[in-house]
Protein backbone atom coordinates (compact mmCIF):
# COMPACT_ATOMS: atom_id res chain seq x y z
CA MET A 1 109.83 194.19 39.07
CA PHE A 2 109.58 194.69 35.30
CA LYS A 3 113.23 193.84 34.94
CA LYS A 4 112.57 190.64 36.86
CA LEU A 5 109.65 189.82 34.63
CA ARG A 6 111.80 190.75 31.54
CA LEU A 7 108.98 192.71 30.09
CA PRO A 8 109.36 196.33 28.78
CA ILE A 9 107.11 198.57 30.88
CA TRP A 10 105.56 200.25 27.85
CA THR A 11 104.03 196.87 26.78
CA LEU A 12 102.04 196.87 30.05
CA ILE A 13 101.24 200.52 30.50
CA LEU A 14 100.16 201.55 27.00
CA PRO A 15 97.36 198.89 26.72
CA VAL A 16 95.94 200.20 30.04
CA LEU A 17 95.96 203.77 28.71
CA ALA A 18 94.42 202.57 25.47
CA GLY A 19 91.61 200.90 27.39
CA LEU A 20 90.94 204.09 29.37
CA ALA A 21 90.92 206.14 26.11
CA TYR A 22 88.42 203.79 24.58
CA PHE A 23 86.01 203.55 27.59
CA PHE A 24 86.07 207.26 28.28
CA GLN A 25 85.19 208.41 24.70
CA SER A 26 81.78 210.02 24.28
CA GLY A 27 79.65 210.81 21.29
CA GLU A 28 81.12 211.33 17.85
CA LEU A 29 84.86 211.24 17.65
CA THR A 30 86.68 214.51 17.02
CA THR A 31 89.66 214.63 14.76
CA PHE A 32 92.04 214.93 17.67
CA TYR A 33 90.45 211.91 19.55
CA THR A 34 90.59 209.89 16.33
CA VAL A 35 94.32 210.51 16.10
CA VAL A 36 94.68 209.56 19.81
CA LEU A 37 92.86 206.33 19.38
CA THR A 38 94.82 205.53 16.23
CA GLY A 39 97.99 206.00 18.16
CA PHE A 40 96.77 203.71 20.94
CA LEU A 41 95.70 201.11 18.34
CA ILE A 42 99.23 201.02 16.96
CA ALA A 43 100.61 200.80 20.51
CA CYS A 44 98.36 197.83 21.21
CA VAL A 45 99.47 196.12 18.09
CA LEU A 46 103.21 196.48 18.90
CA ALA A 47 102.57 195.32 22.51
CA ALA A 48 100.65 192.27 21.16
CA VAL A 49 103.62 191.41 18.91
CA HIS A 50 106.04 191.49 21.84
CA HIS A 51 103.87 189.41 24.21
CA ALA A 52 103.16 186.91 21.43
CA GLU A 53 106.89 186.47 20.97
CA VAL A 54 107.35 185.93 24.76
CA VAL A 55 104.67 183.21 24.68
CA ALA A 56 106.07 181.68 21.50
CA HIS A 57 109.49 181.44 22.99
CA ARG A 58 108.19 179.58 26.00
CA VAL A 59 106.07 177.03 24.11
CA GLY A 60 108.33 176.60 21.10
CA GLU A 61 107.42 176.03 17.44
CA PRO A 62 105.00 175.54 15.85
CA TYR A 63 102.79 176.18 18.86
CA GLY A 64 103.96 179.78 19.28
CA THR A 65 102.92 180.83 15.78
CA LEU A 66 99.68 178.89 16.05
CA ILE A 67 98.77 180.73 19.30
CA LEU A 68 99.24 184.13 17.60
CA ALA A 69 97.39 183.04 14.47
CA LEU A 70 94.42 181.67 16.38
CA ALA A 71 94.27 184.64 18.81
CA ILE A 72 94.22 187.27 16.03
CA THR A 73 91.87 185.34 13.85
CA ILE A 74 89.33 184.99 16.67
CA ILE A 75 89.53 188.75 17.10
CA GLU A 76 89.04 189.22 13.32
CA VAL A 77 85.96 187.00 13.44
CA ALA A 78 84.54 188.90 16.44
CA LEU A 79 85.11 192.27 14.63
CA ILE A 80 83.54 191.12 11.37
CA VAL A 81 80.55 189.56 13.08
CA SER A 82 79.92 192.60 15.31
CA LEU A 83 80.11 194.99 12.34
CA MET A 84 77.76 192.81 10.35
CA LEU A 85 75.16 192.60 13.12
CA THR A 86 75.25 196.39 13.68
CA GLY A 87 75.61 197.37 9.98
CA GLY A 88 72.73 195.46 8.60
CA PRO A 89 72.25 194.57 4.93
CA GLU A 90 74.93 197.03 3.79
CA THR A 91 77.59 194.78 5.31
CA THR A 92 76.65 191.54 3.60
CA ALA A 93 79.95 191.54 1.59
CA LEU A 94 82.13 192.62 4.58
CA ALA A 95 83.23 189.11 5.44
CA ARG A 96 84.13 188.28 1.88
CA ASP A 97 86.06 191.54 1.38
CA THR A 98 87.90 191.12 4.64
CA VAL A 99 88.77 187.48 4.23
CA PHE A 100 89.88 188.06 0.58
CA ALA A 101 91.93 191.06 1.68
CA ALA A 102 93.49 189.08 4.49
CA VAL A 103 94.51 186.26 2.08
CA MET A 104 96.01 188.68 -0.43
CA ILE A 105 97.81 190.75 2.29
CA ILE A 106 99.28 187.51 3.71
CA LEU A 107 100.16 185.73 0.48
CA THR A 108 101.66 188.72 -1.32
CA GLY A 109 102.36 191.43 1.15
CA MET A 110 103.40 189.61 4.37
CA ILE A 111 105.30 186.74 2.60
CA GLY A 112 106.70 189.08 -0.11
CA LEU A 113 108.16 191.55 2.38
CA SER A 114 109.54 188.72 4.59
CA LEU A 115 111.35 187.19 1.57
CA CYS A 116 112.68 190.54 0.56
CA VAL A 117 114.08 191.37 3.92
CA GLY A 118 115.51 187.83 4.33
CA GLY A 119 116.97 187.93 0.87
CA VAL A 120 118.69 191.24 1.35
CA LYS A 121 120.32 190.21 4.59
CA PHE A 122 120.95 186.45 4.12
CA HIS A 123 120.70 186.03 0.29
CA GLN A 124 119.04 182.58 0.64
CA GLN A 125 116.96 181.18 3.55
CA ILE A 126 115.87 177.57 3.91
CA PHE A 127 112.59 176.11 5.22
CA SER A 128 110.73 172.81 5.42
CA LEU A 129 109.06 172.15 2.07
CA SER A 130 106.65 169.58 3.49
CA GLY A 131 104.97 171.95 5.97
CA VAL A 132 104.55 174.78 3.28
CA ASN A 133 103.03 172.29 0.83
CA VAL A 134 100.54 170.98 3.36
CA ALA A 135 99.46 174.52 4.23
CA LEU A 136 99.17 175.72 0.63
CA ILE A 137 97.05 172.59 -0.32
CA ALA A 138 94.65 173.30 2.47
CA LEU A 139 94.60 177.09 1.70
CA THR A 140 93.87 176.54 -2.00
CA ALA A 141 90.97 174.11 -1.27
CA ILE A 142 89.33 176.52 1.24
CA SER A 143 89.83 179.62 -0.97
CA VAL A 144 88.23 178.04 -3.97
CA LEU A 145 85.30 176.53 -2.00
CA THR A 146 84.53 179.82 -0.22
CA LEU A 147 85.51 182.56 -2.56
CA ILE A 148 85.23 181.19 -6.18
CA LEU A 149 82.72 178.33 -6.17
CA PRO A 150 79.70 180.45 -5.09
CA ASN A 151 79.92 182.28 -8.52
CA TYR A 152 79.17 178.99 -10.28
CA THR A 153 76.40 177.32 -8.24
CA SER A 154 72.89 177.43 -9.74
CA THR A 155 70.58 176.83 -6.75
CA THR A 156 70.99 180.49 -5.79
CA PRO A 157 72.02 182.83 -8.64
CA GLY A 158 74.84 185.25 -8.15
CA PRO A 159 77.85 185.13 -5.74
CA PHE A 160 75.74 183.44 -2.95
CA TYR A 161 75.26 180.02 -1.43
CA SER A 162 71.95 178.52 -0.55
CA LYS A 163 71.37 177.65 3.14
CA VAL A 164 72.38 173.97 2.53
CA GLN A 165 75.43 174.89 0.57
CA MET A 166 76.45 177.44 3.16
CA ILE A 167 76.26 174.84 5.92
CA PHE A 168 78.28 172.33 3.87
CA VAL A 169 81.01 174.87 2.98
CA ALA A 170 81.18 176.03 6.60
CA ILE A 171 81.66 172.47 7.82
CA ALA A 172 84.20 171.73 4.99
CA SER A 173 86.26 174.80 5.80
CA LEU A 174 86.27 173.97 9.53
CA VAL A 175 87.24 170.33 8.86
CA ILE A 176 90.03 171.28 6.52
CA TYR A 177 91.43 173.77 9.07
CA LEU A 178 91.15 171.34 12.05
CA GLY A 179 92.85 168.73 9.89
CA PHE A 180 95.66 171.20 9.23
CA ILE A 181 96.00 171.94 12.98
CA PHE A 182 96.16 168.23 13.74
CA VAL A 183 98.93 167.74 11.25
CA GLN A 184 100.80 170.81 12.36
CA THR A 185 100.76 170.13 16.09
CA LEU A 186 100.52 166.35 16.41
CA ARG A 187 100.84 163.97 13.46
CA HIS A 188 103.52 165.73 11.46
CA ARG A 189 104.84 168.54 13.70
CA ASP A 190 108.34 168.12 12.22
CA PHE A 191 107.08 169.37 8.88
CA PHE A 192 106.79 172.87 10.39
CA LEU A 193 110.21 172.95 12.10
CA PRO A 194 113.25 174.57 10.54
CA PRO A 195 115.43 171.96 8.81
CA GLY A 196 118.11 170.47 11.08
CA THR A 197 116.41 171.60 14.39
CA ASP A 198 114.26 170.17 17.13
CA GLY A 199 112.08 173.26 17.24
CA ASN A 200 113.94 175.17 19.79
CA GLU A 201 115.29 177.92 17.57
CA GLU A 202 116.25 180.08 20.40
CA GLU A 203 117.72 177.46 22.71
CA HIS A 204 120.66 179.69 23.39
CA LEU A 205 118.33 182.09 25.18
CA ALA A 206 116.71 181.17 28.53
CA PRO A 207 112.96 180.75 28.12
CA PRO A 208 110.80 183.21 30.07
CA SER A 209 109.49 182.11 33.49
CA GLY A 210 105.95 180.84 34.01
CA LEU A 211 104.98 184.17 35.63
CA THR A 212 106.27 186.14 32.72
CA THR A 213 104.65 183.85 30.19
CA GLY A 214 101.30 183.94 31.96
CA LEU A 215 101.36 187.74 32.26
CA SER A 216 102.23 187.99 28.58
CA ALA A 217 99.49 185.62 27.58
CA VAL A 218 96.87 187.61 29.48
CA THR A 219 98.19 190.98 28.17
CA LEU A 220 98.23 189.56 24.64
CA LEU A 221 94.53 188.77 24.82
CA ILE A 222 93.78 192.16 26.27
CA CYS A 223 95.79 193.89 23.55
CA LEU A 224 94.03 191.96 20.80
CA GLY A 225 90.64 192.74 22.37
CA LEU A 226 91.51 196.39 22.45
CA VAL A 227 92.57 196.27 18.78
CA VAL A 228 89.05 195.08 17.97
CA LEU A 229 87.29 197.71 20.13
CA LEU A 230 89.48 200.52 18.85
CA ALA A 231 89.10 199.36 15.31
CA LYS A 232 85.34 199.14 15.66
CA SER A 233 85.28 202.71 17.05
CA LEU A 234 87.46 204.00 14.12
CA ALA A 235 85.51 202.03 11.44
CA PRO A 236 82.97 204.83 10.79
CA SER A 237 85.80 207.37 10.40
CA ILE A 238 87.63 204.93 8.05
CA GLU A 239 84.44 204.30 5.99
CA ASN A 240 83.73 208.07 5.73
CA ALA A 241 87.27 208.71 4.62
CA VAL A 242 86.97 206.00 2.02
CA ILE A 243 83.70 207.35 0.66
CA GLU A 244 84.99 210.99 0.67
CA ALA A 245 88.10 209.85 -1.26
CA GLY A 246 85.82 208.26 -3.85
CA ALA A 247 87.34 204.76 -3.38
CA PRO A 248 85.29 201.57 -3.51
CA LYS A 249 83.63 200.50 -0.26
CA SER A 250 85.59 197.15 -0.40
CA LEU A 251 88.57 199.19 0.70
CA VAL A 252 87.06 199.20 4.19
CA GLY A 253 87.64 195.43 4.31
CA VAL A 254 91.21 195.90 3.28
CA VAL A 255 91.81 198.41 6.03
CA ILE A 256 90.20 196.13 8.68
CA ALA A 257 92.23 193.11 7.48
CA PHE A 258 95.44 195.24 7.57
CA VAL A 259 94.83 196.42 11.13
CA VAL A 260 94.00 192.96 12.34
CA LEU A 261 96.97 191.31 10.64
CA LEU A 262 99.49 193.96 11.64
CA PRO A 263 100.71 192.09 14.77
CA GLU A 264 101.36 188.90 12.74
CA GLY A 265 102.95 190.87 9.93
CA LEU A 266 105.35 192.56 12.26
CA ALA A 267 106.18 189.21 13.88
CA ALA A 268 106.77 187.51 10.57
CA LEU A 269 108.98 190.34 9.43
CA ARG A 270 111.01 190.24 12.61
CA ALA A 271 111.48 186.43 12.26
CA ALA A 272 112.78 186.92 8.65
CA ARG A 273 115.33 189.44 9.88
CA LEU A 274 116.52 186.88 12.42
CA ASN A 275 117.00 184.23 9.66
CA ARG A 276 113.86 182.30 10.79
CA VAL A 277 111.99 182.17 7.53
CA GLN A 278 110.24 178.99 8.67
CA THR A 279 108.60 180.95 11.50
CA SER A 280 107.55 183.59 9.00
CA LEU A 281 105.96 181.15 6.70
CA ASN A 282 104.26 179.33 9.52
CA LEU A 283 102.77 182.53 10.68
CA ALA A 284 101.72 183.72 7.19
CA LEU A 285 100.16 180.51 5.94
CA GLY A 286 98.68 179.53 9.28
CA SER A 287 97.04 182.98 9.58
CA ALA A 288 95.56 182.77 6.07
CA LEU A 289 94.12 179.31 6.88
CA ALA A 290 92.70 180.45 10.22
CA SER A 291 91.29 183.55 8.66
CA ILE A 292 89.11 181.58 6.16
CA GLY A 293 88.73 178.47 8.18
CA LEU A 294 87.20 180.15 11.23
CA THR A 295 85.62 183.24 9.66
CA ILE A 296 83.41 181.40 7.06
CA PRO A 297 81.84 179.10 9.73
CA ALA A 298 81.12 182.06 11.97
CA VAL A 299 79.63 184.06 9.17
CA ALA A 300 77.52 181.07 8.13
CA ILE A 301 76.07 180.90 11.69
CA VAL A 302 75.21 184.54 11.59
CA SER A 303 73.61 184.09 8.16
CA ILE A 304 71.41 181.15 9.36
CA ILE A 305 70.42 182.82 12.59
CA THR A 306 69.63 186.26 11.20
CA GLY A 307 68.42 185.22 7.75
CA MET A 308 70.94 187.61 6.20
CA THR A 309 72.14 186.71 2.73
CA ILE A 310 75.90 186.68 2.75
CA THR A 311 77.91 187.61 -0.36
CA LEU A 312 80.84 185.23 -0.72
CA GLY A 313 81.88 185.00 -4.44
CA ILE A 314 84.62 187.30 -5.61
CA ASP A 315 84.53 188.84 -9.11
CA MET A 316 86.66 187.71 -12.01
CA LYS A 317 89.39 190.29 -11.43
CA SER A 318 89.82 189.18 -7.85
CA THR A 319 89.73 185.50 -8.89
CA VAL A 320 92.67 186.10 -11.25
CA LEU A 321 94.63 187.85 -8.57
CA LEU A 322 93.87 185.12 -5.98
CA LEU A 323 94.94 182.33 -8.31
CA LEU A 324 98.01 184.21 -9.48
CA SER A 325 99.07 184.70 -5.84
CA LEU A 326 98.51 181.09 -4.91
CA ILE A 327 100.45 179.82 -7.98
CA THR A 328 103.32 182.26 -7.45
CA VAL A 329 103.69 181.27 -3.86
CA MET A 330 103.54 177.54 -4.76
CA LEU A 331 106.22 178.03 -7.42
CA SER A 332 108.31 180.16 -5.12
CA THR A 333 108.47 177.39 -2.50
CA THR A 334 109.23 174.36 -4.69
CA THR A 335 112.91 174.14 -3.75
CA GLY A 336 112.84 174.80 -0.05
CA LYS A 337 114.95 177.93 -0.48
CA THR A 338 113.89 181.62 -0.78
CA ASN A 339 115.55 184.58 -2.41
CA ILE A 340 114.89 188.25 -2.95
CA LEU A 341 113.38 187.88 -6.41
CA GLN A 342 110.49 185.81 -5.19
CA GLY A 343 109.75 188.54 -2.57
CA ILE A 344 109.84 191.27 -5.23
CA ILE A 345 107.45 189.40 -7.47
CA LEU A 346 104.94 188.91 -4.64
CA LEU A 347 105.10 192.49 -3.63
CA MET A 348 104.42 193.62 -7.16
CA ILE A 349 101.26 191.33 -7.19
CA PHE A 350 100.30 192.98 -3.90
CA ALA A 351 100.80 196.41 -5.41
CA ALA A 352 98.60 195.39 -8.40
CA TYR A 353 95.89 194.18 -5.97
CA LEU A 354 95.87 197.50 -4.18
CA LEU A 355 95.81 199.39 -7.41
CA THR A 356 92.91 197.54 -8.82
CA ILE A 357 90.86 198.27 -5.72
CA ILE A 358 91.58 202.01 -5.88
CA VAL A 359 91.44 202.20 -9.75
CA PRO A 360 89.18 199.30 -10.75
């Protein structure tokens, strides 16, 4: 049966076992059970990557990467909101830390590693410059509006927005993101396709059947849901480990972002190894846009309903790193070709970002 469906059996069995492990936990997690849940979390991530690629192969580009980006971002939003609602005032900066971490991981870590892998294997890889430019313009606008501008408004002092400002920025973020989706999927779909193709990058491979695609789509959602549940269960252990290590609490946001983005990161890396850098860039930039464009409106709604003051503005050090990352990616994508040096530079910026979190 599994051979007929063309799905590895482990991608169906391990999520079931992960669900059982989660729902049968009781009380405070022991060290052994924490390790078990961590193993199942990784298994769910790997299974999600496989099923996302099956769905992407069926629907073609750029819809395949869009499905994975949207699915994972919705899960990220659900995780952030649930942790905020249960954590109280101490989690007012969680959304900011997680969104900023997601953008930095994507721009410098995910893209940097993909360009390095592609550069080592293929020396140069080509992509559509128009699509990358559209994504970077939208990402720059949303990033500045949500993470930098709050530091310079005067209605509410500090890195906060007033209620009216929060509503406007939430709407603006959502409008920019929906505009990007409209351009990516309808008006200018060709911008996001590899040069010289019609979007069927794997036309030499028979697409999966409707049954296989449907099963993968359902399993993908289950896997992503389990990633959220398992990450939420492991969050207290992660936070305790961060505190015991003497690291800043913002590192918790980095860990959450890393866990949530792992499926997309692995999918982007695999695409780069197969000489499909366009898919890697679509995944990375689309994920960054979805992360901000959907998270900020959701957090704004929570803020308005609960009356909780949400911290959005990042500090000067983070502002410098964010702008450096955006400028470097823009300069790296001006020719429509990538090479290993661009990837190395981005990874060094990512290393600097991690270092300045641990050693401020």
